[in-house]
Amino acid sequence: MSAARLALRRGLRRLGAPGVAGIGVLVACAAMVLSAQLPLEARIESLRTELARAEAGAGARGAPRLAPQEGLAEFYRFFATGQDAEAWLARLFGLARAHGLELPQGAYRYNRLSGERLARYEVTLPVKGQYPQIRRFIAAALNEIPVASLDRVAFERKRAAEAQVEASIRFTLFLDEPRS
């Protein structure tokens, strides 16, 4: 055996199992820093540089990308889906049924203030089902109905051991409808 190998074996024997394990942990930490942390730090730095350039460019131009009127027009285009309240309600009820919820009866209120372009269609739904079903329904509604906002949710359970929950959910549908 070579002298270096012999010295290595003696050193490892003197360290024992805890020492060898400690060296293994140090090697693993070094590998993690080299393979994960350093690339992430480099990515963060490149994103900071990119952000600084973008901010400097916007400041140099003195104006945002879109003129205010263009930005406002873009905002209203988001709500101009071509679907009316009835189509969105049908989608909302279909989602509730798909999630296995009972919908006894809902309350609806149409609201359009003078001078405002968007109309609001407030929908209050009393639903019955299990808590996870209700949560999944709300998430699906917000994901699939882009003009909806969740305004209020109230849960009630008759008894602590009961799996069935009653909830009152209020959504508002924002609609860009032509004025009559």
N, C-alpha and C. Protein backbone atom coordinates (compact mmCIF):
# COMPACT_ATOMS: atom_id res chain seq x y z
N MET A 1 0.83 -1.18 0.00
CA MET A 1 0.00 0.00 0.00
C MET A 1 0.88 1.25 0.00
N SER A 2 0.37 2.27 -0.62
CA SER A 2 1.15 3.50 -0.65
C SER A 2 1.06 4.22 0.69
N ALA A 3 1.97 5.09 0.91
CA ALA A 3 2.03 5.83 2.18
C ALA A 3 0.80 6.73 2.35
N ALA A 4 0.33 7.31 1.26
CA ALA A 4 -0.82 8.21 1.34
C ALA A 4 -2.07 7.43 1.74
N ARG A 5 -2.26 6.26 1.16
CA ARG A 5 -3.42 5.43 1.50
C ARG A 5 -3.37 5.00 2.95
N LEU A 6 -2.21 4.63 3.38
CA LEU A 6 -2.03 4.20 4.76
C LEU A 6 -2.33 5.33 5.73
N ALA A 7 -1.88 6.53 5.41
CA ALA A 7 -2.15 7.69 6.27
C ALA A 7 -3.64 8.02 6.28
N LEU A 8 -4.31 7.87 5.13
CA LEU A 8 -5.75 8.13 5.04
C LEU A 8 -6.52 7.14 5.91
N ARG A 9 -6.15 5.87 5.83
CA ARG A 9 -6.83 4.85 6.64
C ARG A 9 -6.65 5.13 8.13
N ARG A 10 -5.43 5.49 8.55
CA ARG A 10 -5.20 5.78 9.96
C ARG A 10 -6.02 6.98 10.40
N GLY A 11 -6.06 7.99 9.56
CA GLY A 11 -6.83 9.20 9.89
C GLY A 11 -8.32 8.89 10.04
N LEU A 12 -8.86 8.08 9.13
CA LEU A 12 -10.29 7.72 9.19
C LEU A 12 -10.58 6.89 10.44
N ARG A 13 -9.65 6.00 10.79
CA ARG A 13 -9.85 5.20 12.01
C ARG A 13 -9.86 6.09 13.24
N ARG A 14 -9.00 7.09 13.27
CA ARG A 14 -8.97 7.99 14.42
C ARG A 14 -10.25 8.83 14.50
N LEU A 15 -10.80 9.24 13.36
CA LEU A 15 -12.04 10.02 13.36
C LEU A 15 -13.22 9.17 13.82
N GLY A 16 -13.26 7.95 13.45
CA GLY A 16 -14.36 7.07 13.80
C GLY A 16 -15.59 7.37 12.94
N ALA A 17 -16.68 6.67 13.23
CA ALA A 17 -17.92 6.82 12.44
C ALA A 17 -18.48 8.24 12.50
N PRO A 18 -18.54 8.90 13.69
CA PRO A 18 -19.07 10.27 13.72
C PRO A 18 -18.24 11.24 12.89
N GLY A 19 -16.94 11.10 12.92
CA GLY A 19 -16.09 11.98 12.13
C GLY A 19 -16.28 11.80 10.64
N VAL A 20 -16.37 10.53 10.22
CA VAL A 20 -16.60 10.24 8.80
C VAL A 20 -17.96 10.78 8.37
N ALA A 21 -18.96 10.61 9.22
CA ALA A 21 -20.30 11.14 8.90
C ALA A 21 -20.25 12.65 8.79
N GLY A 22 -19.51 13.31 9.67
CA GLY A 22 -19.37 14.77 9.60
C GLY A 22 -18.73 15.22 8.31
N ILE A 23 -17.70 14.50 7.89
CA ILE A 23 -17.06 14.83 6.61
C ILE A 23 -18.04 14.64 5.46
N GLY A 24 -18.84 13.57 5.53
CA GLY A 24 -19.86 13.33 4.51
C GLY A 24 -20.87 14.46 4.43
N VAL A 25 -21.29 14.96 5.60
CA VAL A 25 -22.24 16.08 5.63
C VAL A 25 -21.61 17.32 5.03
N LEU A 26 -20.36 17.60 5.35
CA LEU A 26 -19.67 18.76 4.78
C LEU A 26 -19.57 18.67 3.26
N VAL A 27 -19.25 17.48 2.76
CA VAL A 27 -19.17 17.27 1.31
C VAL A 27 -20.54 17.48 0.67
N ALA A 28 -21.60 16.96 1.31
CA ALA A 28 -22.96 17.13 0.78
C ALA A 28 -23.35 18.60 0.76
N CYS A 29 -23.00 19.35 1.82
CA CYS A 29 -23.32 20.78 1.86
C CYS A 29 -22.59 21.54 0.76
N ALA A 30 -21.34 21.21 0.57
CA ALA A 30 -20.58 21.87 -0.49
C ALA A 30 -21.18 21.58 -1.85
N ALA A 31 -21.61 20.34 -2.06
CA ALA A 31 -22.24 19.98 -3.33
C ALA A 31 -23.55 20.75 -3.53
N MET A 32 -24.32 20.90 -2.46
CA MET A 32 -25.58 21.64 -2.58
C MET A 32 -25.34 23.10 -2.91
N VAL A 33 -24.37 23.71 -2.24
CA VAL A 33 -24.07 25.11 -2.52
C VAL A 33 -23.66 25.28 -3.97
N LEU A 34 -22.81 24.39 -4.45
CA LEU A 34 -22.33 24.50 -5.83
C LEU A 34 -23.41 24.21 -6.86
N SER A 35 -24.29 23.25 -6.55
CA SER A 35 -25.28 22.85 -7.55
C SER A 35 -26.59 23.61 -7.47
N ALA A 36 -26.93 24.16 -6.32
CA ALA A 36 -28.24 24.81 -6.18
C ALA A 36 -28.13 26.29 -5.84
N GLN A 37 -27.44 26.61 -4.77
CA GLN A 37 -27.46 27.99 -4.29
C GLN A 37 -26.75 28.96 -5.23
N LEU A 38 -25.57 28.61 -5.69
CA LEU A 38 -24.84 29.53 -6.57
C LEU A 38 -25.58 29.82 -7.87
N PRO A 39 -26.16 28.80 -8.55
CA PRO A 39 -26.96 29.13 -9.75
C PRO A 39 -28.17 30.01 -9.44
N LEU A 40 -28.82 29.77 -8.29
CA LEU A 40 -29.97 30.61 -7.92
C LEU A 40 -29.54 32.05 -7.65
N GLU A 41 -28.43 32.21 -6.98
CA GLU A 41 -27.94 33.57 -6.73
C GLU A 41 -27.59 34.28 -8.03
N ALA A 42 -27.02 33.55 -8.98
CA ALA A 42 -26.71 34.14 -10.28
C ALA A 42 -27.98 34.53 -11.01
N ARG A 43 -29.01 33.68 -10.93
CA ARG A 43 -30.30 33.99 -11.58
C ARG A 43 -30.94 35.22 -10.95
N ILE A 44 -30.89 35.31 -9.62
CA ILE A 44 -31.45 36.47 -8.92
C ILE A 44 -30.73 37.74 -9.36
N GLU A 45 -29.43 37.67 -9.45
CA GLU A 45 -28.65 38.84 -9.86
C GLU A 45 -28.99 39.26 -11.29
N SER A 46 -29.17 38.29 -12.19
CA SER A 46 -29.53 38.64 -13.57
C SER A 46 -30.92 39.25 -13.63
N LEU A 47 -31.85 38.75 -12.81
CA LEU A 47 -33.18 39.33 -12.78
C LEU A 47 -33.16 40.75 -12.21
N ARG A 48 -32.33 40.98 -11.20
CA ARG A 48 -32.19 42.34 -10.66
C ARG A 48 -31.64 43.30 -11.71
N THR A 49 -30.66 42.84 -12.45
CA THR A 49 -30.09 43.67 -13.51
C THR A 49 -31.13 43.96 -14.57
N GLU A 50 -31.88 42.95 -14.96
CA GLU A 50 -32.94 43.13 -15.96
C GLU A 50 -34.00 44.10 -15.47
N LEU A 51 -34.39 43.99 -14.20
CA LEU A 51 -35.38 44.89 -13.62
C LEU A 51 -34.85 46.32 -13.58
N ALA A 52 -33.59 46.48 -13.19
CA ALA A 52 -33.01 47.82 -13.14
C ALA A 52 -32.98 48.45 -14.53
N ARG A 53 -32.65 47.66 -15.55
CA ARG A 53 -32.66 48.17 -16.93
C ARG A 53 -34.06 48.58 -17.35
N ALA A 54 -35.05 47.74 -17.01
CA ALA A 54 -36.44 48.05 -17.39
C ALA A 54 -36.92 49.31 -16.69
N GLU A 55 -36.58 49.44 -15.40
CA GLU A 55 -36.99 50.65 -14.67
C GLU A 55 -36.29 51.89 -15.22
N ALA A 56 -35.02 51.76 -15.55
CA ALA A 56 -34.28 52.88 -16.12
C ALA A 56 -34.85 53.27 -17.47
N GLY A 57 -35.21 52.29 -18.27
CA GLY A 57 -35.80 52.56 -19.58
C GLY A 57 -37.13 53.27 -19.47
N ALA A 58 -37.96 52.85 -18.51
CA ALA A 58 -39.27 53.49 -18.33
C ALA A 58 -39.08 54.91 -17.84
N GLY A 59 -38.11 55.12 -16.95
CA GLY A 59 -37.85 56.46 -16.44
C GLY A 59 -37.30 57.37 -17.52
N ALA A 60 -36.47 56.82 -18.40
CA ALA A 60 -35.88 57.61 -19.48
C ALA A 60 -36.93 58.06 -20.48
N ARG A 61 -37.89 57.20 -20.71
CA ARG A 61 -38.96 57.57 -21.65
C ARG A 61 -39.91 58.57 -21.00
N GLY A 62 -39.98 58.55 -19.68
CA GLY A 62 -40.85 59.48 -18.99
C GLY A 62 -42.31 59.09 -19.00
N ALA A 63 -42.64 57.93 -19.56
CA ALA A 63 -44.04 57.52 -19.62
C ALA A 63 -44.11 56.00 -19.58
N PRO A 64 -45.23 55.47 -19.08
CA PRO A 64 -45.39 54.01 -19.11
C PRO A 64 -45.56 53.53 -20.55
N ARG A 65 -45.54 52.22 -20.72
CA ARG A 65 -45.66 51.66 -22.06
C ARG A 65 -46.93 52.10 -22.78
N LEU A 66 -48.05 52.04 -22.06
CA LEU A 66 -49.32 52.44 -22.66
C LEU A 66 -49.70 53.84 -22.17
N ALA A 67 -50.27 54.59 -23.08
CA ALA A 67 -50.82 55.87 -22.66
C ALA A 67 -52.02 55.57 -21.75
N PRO A 68 -52.38 56.48 -20.86
CA PRO A 68 -53.49 56.21 -19.93
C PRO A 68 -54.78 55.76 -20.62
N GLN A 69 -55.13 56.39 -21.73
CA GLN A 69 -56.36 56.01 -22.43
C GLN A 69 -56.25 54.61 -23.01
N GLU A 70 -55.06 54.26 -23.50
CA GLU A 70 -54.85 52.91 -24.03
C GLU A 70 -54.92 51.87 -22.91
N GLY A 71 -54.35 52.21 -21.75
CA GLY A 71 -54.41 51.30 -20.60
C GLY A 71 -55.83 51.09 -20.13
N LEU A 72 -56.61 52.16 -20.11
CA LEU A 72 -58.01 52.06 -19.70
C LEU A 72 -58.81 51.24 -20.71
N ALA A 73 -58.55 51.46 -21.98
CA ALA A 73 -59.24 50.68 -23.02
C ALA A 73 -58.89 49.20 -22.89
N GLU A 74 -57.62 48.90 -22.59
CA GLU A 74 -57.20 47.51 -22.40
C GLU A 74 -57.90 46.90 -21.19
N PHE A 75 -58.03 47.68 -20.13
CA PHE A 75 -58.73 47.22 -18.93
C PHE A 75 -60.17 46.84 -19.25
N TYR A 76 -60.89 47.69 -19.97
CA TYR A 76 -62.28 47.39 -20.29
C TYR A 76 -62.42 46.24 -21.29
N ARG A 77 -61.42 46.08 -22.17
CA ARG A 77 -61.46 44.95 -23.10
C ARG A 77 -61.44 43.61 -22.35
N PHE A 78 -60.78 43.57 -21.20
CA PHE A 78 -60.75 42.35 -20.40
C PHE A 78 -62.16 41.91 -20.01
N PHE A 79 -63.03 42.87 -19.73
CA PHE A 79 -64.39 42.55 -19.29
C PHE A 79 -65.35 42.36 -20.46
N ALA A 80 -64.98 42.74 -21.64
CA ALA A 80 -65.83 42.59 -22.82
C ALA A 80 -65.66 41.18 -23.36
N THR A 81 -66.28 40.23 -22.70
CA THR A 81 -66.10 38.82 -23.07
C THR A 81 -67.10 38.37 -24.12
N GLY A 82 -68.13 39.15 -24.35
CA GLY A 82 -69.16 38.75 -25.29
C GLY A 82 -70.21 37.84 -24.65
N GLN A 83 -70.04 37.54 -23.38
CA GLN A 83 -71.03 36.71 -22.68
C GLN A 83 -71.84 37.60 -21.74
N ASP A 84 -73.11 37.28 -21.64
CA ASP A 84 -73.97 38.05 -20.75
C ASP A 84 -74.05 37.37 -19.39
N ALA A 85 -74.77 38.00 -18.48
CA ALA A 85 -74.88 37.49 -17.11
C ALA A 85 -75.46 36.09 -17.09
N GLU A 86 -76.42 35.82 -17.93
CA GLU A 86 -77.06 34.49 -17.93
C GLU A 86 -76.05 33.39 -18.28
N ALA A 87 -75.18 33.66 -19.24
CA ALA A 87 -74.18 32.67 -19.63
C ALA A 87 -73.20 32.41 -18.48
N TRP A 88 -72.77 33.49 -17.80
CA TRP A 88 -71.86 33.31 -16.67
C TRP A 88 -72.55 32.59 -15.52
N LEU A 89 -73.83 32.90 -15.28
CA LEU A 89 -74.57 32.22 -14.22
C LEU A 89 -74.71 30.73 -14.54
N ALA A 90 -74.99 30.41 -15.78
CA ALA A 90 -75.09 29.00 -16.17
C ALA A 90 -73.76 28.30 -15.91
N ARG A 91 -72.66 28.97 -16.21
CA ARG A 91 -71.34 28.40 -15.95
C ARG A 91 -71.12 28.20 -14.45
N LEU A 92 -71.52 29.19 -13.66
CA LEU A 92 -71.38 29.12 -12.20
C LEU A 92 -72.19 27.95 -11.63
N PHE A 93 -73.43 27.80 -12.07
CA PHE A 93 -74.28 26.71 -11.59
C PHE A 93 -73.74 25.36 -12.05
N GLY A 94 -73.22 25.31 -13.26
CA GLY A 94 -72.63 24.07 -13.76
C GLY A 94 -71.43 23.66 -12.92
N LEU A 95 -70.63 24.62 -12.53
CA LEU A 95 -69.48 24.32 -11.66
C LEU A 95 -69.93 23.81 -10.29
N ALA A 96 -70.98 24.41 -9.76
CA ALA A 96 -71.50 23.98 -8.46
C ALA A 96 -71.98 22.52 -8.54
N ARG A 97 -72.72 22.21 -9.62
CA ARG A 97 -73.19 20.83 -9.80
C ARG A 97 -72.02 19.88 -9.99
N ALA A 98 -71.03 20.30 -10.76
CA ALA A 98 -69.86 19.46 -11.02
C ALA A 98 -69.10 19.15 -9.74
N HIS A 99 -69.19 20.03 -8.77
CA HIS A 99 -68.51 19.82 -7.48
C HIS A 99 -69.42 19.17 -6.44
N GLY A 100 -70.62 18.74 -6.88
CA GLY A 100 -71.52 18.01 -6.00
C GLY A 100 -72.21 18.85 -4.95
N LEU A 101 -72.40 20.13 -5.21
CA LEU A 101 -73.04 21.01 -4.23
C LEU A 101 -74.53 21.15 -4.50
N GLU A 102 -75.29 21.32 -3.44
CA GLU A 102 -76.72 21.60 -3.56
C GLU A 102 -76.90 23.11 -3.59
N LEU A 103 -77.69 23.59 -4.55
CA LEU A 103 -78.00 25.01 -4.66
C LEU A 103 -79.51 25.21 -4.50
N PRO A 104 -79.98 25.42 -3.28
CA PRO A 104 -81.42 25.55 -3.10
C PRO A 104 -82.02 26.74 -3.86
N GLN A 105 -81.46 27.92 -3.69
CA GLN A 105 -82.01 29.11 -4.32
C GLN A 105 -81.01 30.24 -4.15
N GLY A 106 -80.85 31.06 -5.15
CA GLY A 106 -79.90 32.16 -5.06
C GLY A 106 -80.59 33.50 -5.08
N ALA A 107 -79.87 34.52 -4.69
CA ALA A 107 -80.37 35.90 -4.75
C ALA A 107 -79.47 36.66 -5.72
N TYR A 108 -80.08 37.49 -6.55
CA TYR A 108 -79.35 38.18 -7.59
C TYR A 108 -79.69 39.66 -7.54
N ARG A 109 -78.70 40.49 -7.83
CA ARG A 109 -78.95 41.93 -7.86
C ARG A 109 -78.10 42.56 -8.95
N TYR A 110 -78.74 43.23 -9.87
CA TYR A 110 -78.05 43.94 -10.95
C TYR A 110 -77.84 45.37 -10.50
N ASN A 111 -76.63 45.88 -10.72
CA ASN A 111 -76.32 47.22 -10.24
C ASN A 111 -75.42 47.91 -11.26
N ARG A 112 -75.89 49.03 -11.76
CA ARG A 112 -75.07 49.85 -12.65
C ARG A 112 -75.25 51.30 -12.23
N LEU A 113 -74.18 51.87 -11.73
CA LEU A 113 -74.22 53.26 -11.31
C LEU A 113 -74.04 54.16 -12.52
N SER A 114 -74.71 55.31 -12.48
CA SER A 114 -74.58 56.22 -13.62
C SER A 114 -73.13 56.72 -13.67
N GLY A 115 -72.64 56.82 -14.87
CA GLY A 115 -71.27 57.27 -15.06
C GLY A 115 -70.25 56.15 -15.05
N GLU A 116 -70.63 54.96 -14.64
CA GLU A 116 -69.70 53.83 -14.63
C GLU A 116 -69.94 52.96 -15.84
N ARG A 117 -68.89 52.47 -16.39
CA ARG A 117 -69.01 51.65 -17.59
C ARG A 117 -69.35 50.20 -17.27
N LEU A 118 -68.80 49.67 -16.17
CA LEU A 118 -69.04 48.28 -15.82
C LEU A 118 -70.29 48.13 -14.97
N ALA A 119 -71.08 47.15 -15.32
CA ALA A 119 -72.24 46.80 -14.51
C ALA A 119 -71.83 45.69 -13.54
N ARG A 120 -72.48 45.66 -12.41
CA ARG A 120 -72.20 44.62 -11.41
C ARG A 120 -73.43 43.75 -11.27
N TYR A 121 -73.19 42.47 -11.30
CA TYR A 121 -74.26 41.50 -11.10
C TYR A 121 -73.87 40.71 -9.86
N GLU A 122 -74.50 41.02 -8.74
CA GLU A 122 -74.17 40.37 -7.47
C GLU A 122 -75.00 39.10 -7.33
N VAL A 123 -74.31 38.01 -7.05
CA VAL A 123 -74.94 36.70 -6.96
C VAL A 123 -74.64 36.12 -5.57
N THR A 124 -75.68 35.89 -4.79
CA THR A 124 -75.50 35.26 -3.48
C THR A 124 -76.07 33.86 -3.57
N LEU A 125 -75.20 32.89 -3.29
CA LEU A 125 -75.58 31.48 -3.42
C LEU A 125 -75.50 30.79 -2.07
N PRO A 126 -76.62 30.29 -1.57
CA PRO A 126 -76.53 29.41 -0.42
C PRO A 126 -76.26 28.00 -0.95
N VAL A 127 -75.19 27.38 -0.50
CA VAL A 127 -74.83 26.05 -0.97
C VAL A 127 -74.69 25.10 0.20
N LYS A 128 -74.89 23.82 -0.08
CA LYS A 128 -74.71 22.77 0.92
C LYS A 128 -73.76 21.73 0.35
N GLY A 129 -72.81 21.32 1.16
CA GLY A 129 -71.86 20.30 0.74
C GLY A 129 -70.78 20.17 1.79
N GLN A 130 -69.76 19.43 1.47
CA GLN A 130 -68.64 19.30 2.38
C GLN A 130 -67.68 20.47 2.15
N TYR A 131 -67.00 20.84 3.20
CA TYR A 131 -66.10 21.99 3.15
C TYR A 131 -65.12 21.93 1.97
N PRO A 132 -64.42 20.80 1.74
CA PRO A 132 -63.49 20.75 0.61
C PRO A 132 -64.19 20.95 -0.74
N GLN A 133 -65.41 20.44 -0.87
CA GLN A 133 -66.16 20.64 -2.12
C GLN A 133 -66.42 22.12 -2.35
N ILE A 134 -66.81 22.81 -1.30
CA ILE A 134 -67.13 24.24 -1.42
C ILE A 134 -65.87 25.02 -1.79
N ARG A 135 -64.76 24.71 -1.16
CA ARG A 135 -63.50 25.40 -1.47
C ARG A 135 -63.09 25.15 -2.91
N ARG A 136 -63.21 23.91 -3.37
CA ARG A 136 -62.84 23.60 -4.77
C ARG A 136 -63.77 24.33 -5.74
N PHE A 137 -65.06 24.41 -5.40
CA PHE A 137 -66.02 25.13 -6.24
C PHE A 137 -65.62 26.61 -6.35
N ILE A 138 -65.32 27.23 -5.23
CA ILE A 138 -64.94 28.65 -5.25
C ILE A 138 -63.69 28.86 -6.10
N ALA A 139 -62.70 28.00 -5.92
CA ALA A 139 -61.46 28.12 -6.70
C ALA A 139 -61.73 27.94 -8.19
N ALA A 140 -62.56 26.97 -8.53
CA ALA A 140 -62.88 26.73 -9.94
C ALA A 140 -63.63 27.91 -10.53
N ALA A 141 -64.57 28.46 -9.76
CA ALA A 141 -65.35 29.61 -10.25
C ALA A 141 -64.43 30.80 -10.53
N LEU A 142 -63.51 31.07 -9.63
CA LEU A 142 -62.62 32.21 -9.83
C LEU A 142 -61.64 31.96 -10.96
N ASN A 143 -61.26 30.70 -11.19
CA ASN A 143 -60.34 30.39 -12.29
C ASN A 143 -61.04 30.40 -13.64
N GLU A 144 -62.29 29.96 -13.68
CA GLU A 144 -62.95 29.79 -14.97
C GLU A 144 -63.88 30.94 -15.36
N ILE A 145 -64.16 31.81 -14.42
CA ILE A 145 -65.01 32.97 -14.73
C ILE A 145 -64.18 34.22 -14.45
N PRO A 146 -63.49 34.72 -15.47
CA PRO A 146 -62.54 35.81 -15.25
C PRO A 146 -63.17 37.11 -14.79
N VAL A 147 -64.45 37.29 -15.01
CA VAL A 147 -65.10 38.55 -14.62
C VAL A 147 -65.70 38.46 -13.22
N ALA A 148 -65.42 37.39 -12.48
CA ALA A 148 -66.00 37.20 -11.15
C ALA A 148 -65.03 37.60 -10.06
N SER A 149 -65.59 38.16 -9.00
CA SER A 149 -64.81 38.38 -7.79
C SER A 149 -65.57 37.73 -6.64
N LEU A 150 -64.83 37.26 -5.66
CA LEU A 150 -65.43 36.67 -4.47
C LEU A 150 -65.54 37.77 -3.43
N ASP A 151 -66.76 38.06 -3.00
CA ASP A 151 -66.98 39.15 -2.06
C ASP A 151 -67.12 38.68 -0.62
N ARG A 152 -67.76 37.53 -0.44
CA ARG A 152 -68.02 37.08 0.92
C ARG A 152 -68.29 35.60 0.93
N VAL A 153 -67.81 34.94 2.00
CA VAL A 153 -68.11 33.53 2.24
C VAL A 153 -68.40 33.38 3.72
N ALA A 154 -69.51 32.73 4.04
CA ALA A 154 -69.84 32.45 5.44
C ALA A 154 -70.21 30.97 5.55
N PHE A 155 -69.57 30.28 6.47
CA PHE A 155 -69.81 28.85 6.67
C PHE A 155 -70.60 28.64 7.96
N GLU A 156 -71.46 27.62 7.91
CA GLU A 156 -72.21 27.24 9.11
C GLU A 156 -72.38 25.73 9.11
N ARG A 157 -72.16 25.15 10.29
CA ARG A 157 -72.34 23.72 10.47
C ARG A 157 -73.33 23.54 11.61
N LYS A 158 -74.34 22.72 11.41
CA LYS A 158 -75.38 22.53 12.44
C LYS A 158 -74.80 21.86 13.69
N ARG A 159 -74.02 20.81 13.48
CA ARG A 159 -73.38 20.09 14.60
C ARG A 159 -71.92 19.87 14.25
N ALA A 160 -71.09 19.81 15.27
CA ALA A 160 -69.64 19.68 15.05
C ALA A 160 -69.28 18.40 14.31
N ALA A 161 -69.97 17.32 14.57
CA ALA A 161 -69.64 16.04 13.94
C ALA A 161 -70.19 15.91 12.53
N GLU A 162 -71.01 16.83 12.11
CA GLU A 162 -71.67 16.75 10.80
C GLU A 162 -70.68 17.12 9.68
N ALA A 163 -70.65 16.32 8.64
CA ALA A 163 -69.75 16.58 7.50
C ALA A 163 -70.32 17.65 6.58
N GLN A 164 -71.63 17.75 6.54
CA GLN A 164 -72.32 18.71 5.66
C GLN A 164 -72.17 20.13 6.22
N VAL A 165 -71.83 21.06 5.35
CA VAL A 165 -71.67 22.46 5.72
C VAL A 165 -72.62 23.29 4.86
N GLU A 166 -73.19 24.30 5.46
CA GLU A 166 -73.98 25.27 4.69
C GLU A 166 -73.12 26.52 4.55
N ALA A 167 -73.08 27.05 3.34
CA ALA A 167 -72.27 28.25 3.11
C ALA A 167 -73.08 29.25 2.30
N SER A 168 -72.83 30.50 2.58
CA SER A 168 -73.39 31.58 1.78
C SER A 168 -72.22 32.22 1.06
N ILE A 169 -72.27 32.19 -0.26
CA ILE A 169 -71.16 32.69 -1.08
C ILE A 169 -71.69 33.83 -1.94
N ARG A 170 -70.97 34.96 -1.90
CA ARG A 170 -71.39 36.07 -2.76
C ARG A 170 -70.27 36.39 -3.75
N PHE A 171 -70.63 36.26 -5.01
CA PHE A 171 -69.76 36.62 -6.12
C PHE A 171 -70.31 37.90 -6.75
N THR A 172 -69.44 38.67 -7.36
CA THR A 172 -69.87 39.78 -8.20
C THR A 172 -69.31 39.53 -9.59
N LEU A 173 -70.18 39.60 -10.57
CA LEU A 173 -69.78 39.50 -11.97
C LEU A 173 -69.69 40.92 -12.52
N PHE A 174 -68.56 41.29 -13.04
CA PHE A 174 -68.37 42.62 -13.63
C PHE A 174 -68.55 42.49 -15.13
N LEU A 175 -69.54 43.20 -15.65
CA LEU A 175 -69.91 43.03 -17.05
C LEU A 175 -69.80 44.35 -17.80
N ASP A 176 -69.18 44.31 -18.95
CA ASP A 176 -69.09 45.49 -19.82
C ASP A 176 -70.20 45.38 -20.85
N GLU A 177 -71.37 45.80 -20.42
CA GLU A 177 -72.55 45.71 -21.29
C GLU A 177 -72.84 47.06 -21.92
N PRO A 178 -73.36 47.04 -23.12
CA PRO A 178 -73.76 48.31 -23.73
C PRO A 178 -74.87 48.96 -22.91
N ARG A 179 -74.81 50.26 -22.80
CA ARG A 179 -75.85 50.97 -22.03
C ARG A 179 -77.12 51.04 -22.84
N SER A 180 -78.24 50.90 -22.14
CA SER A 180 -79.53 50.95 -22.84
C SER A 180 -80.01 52.36 -22.93
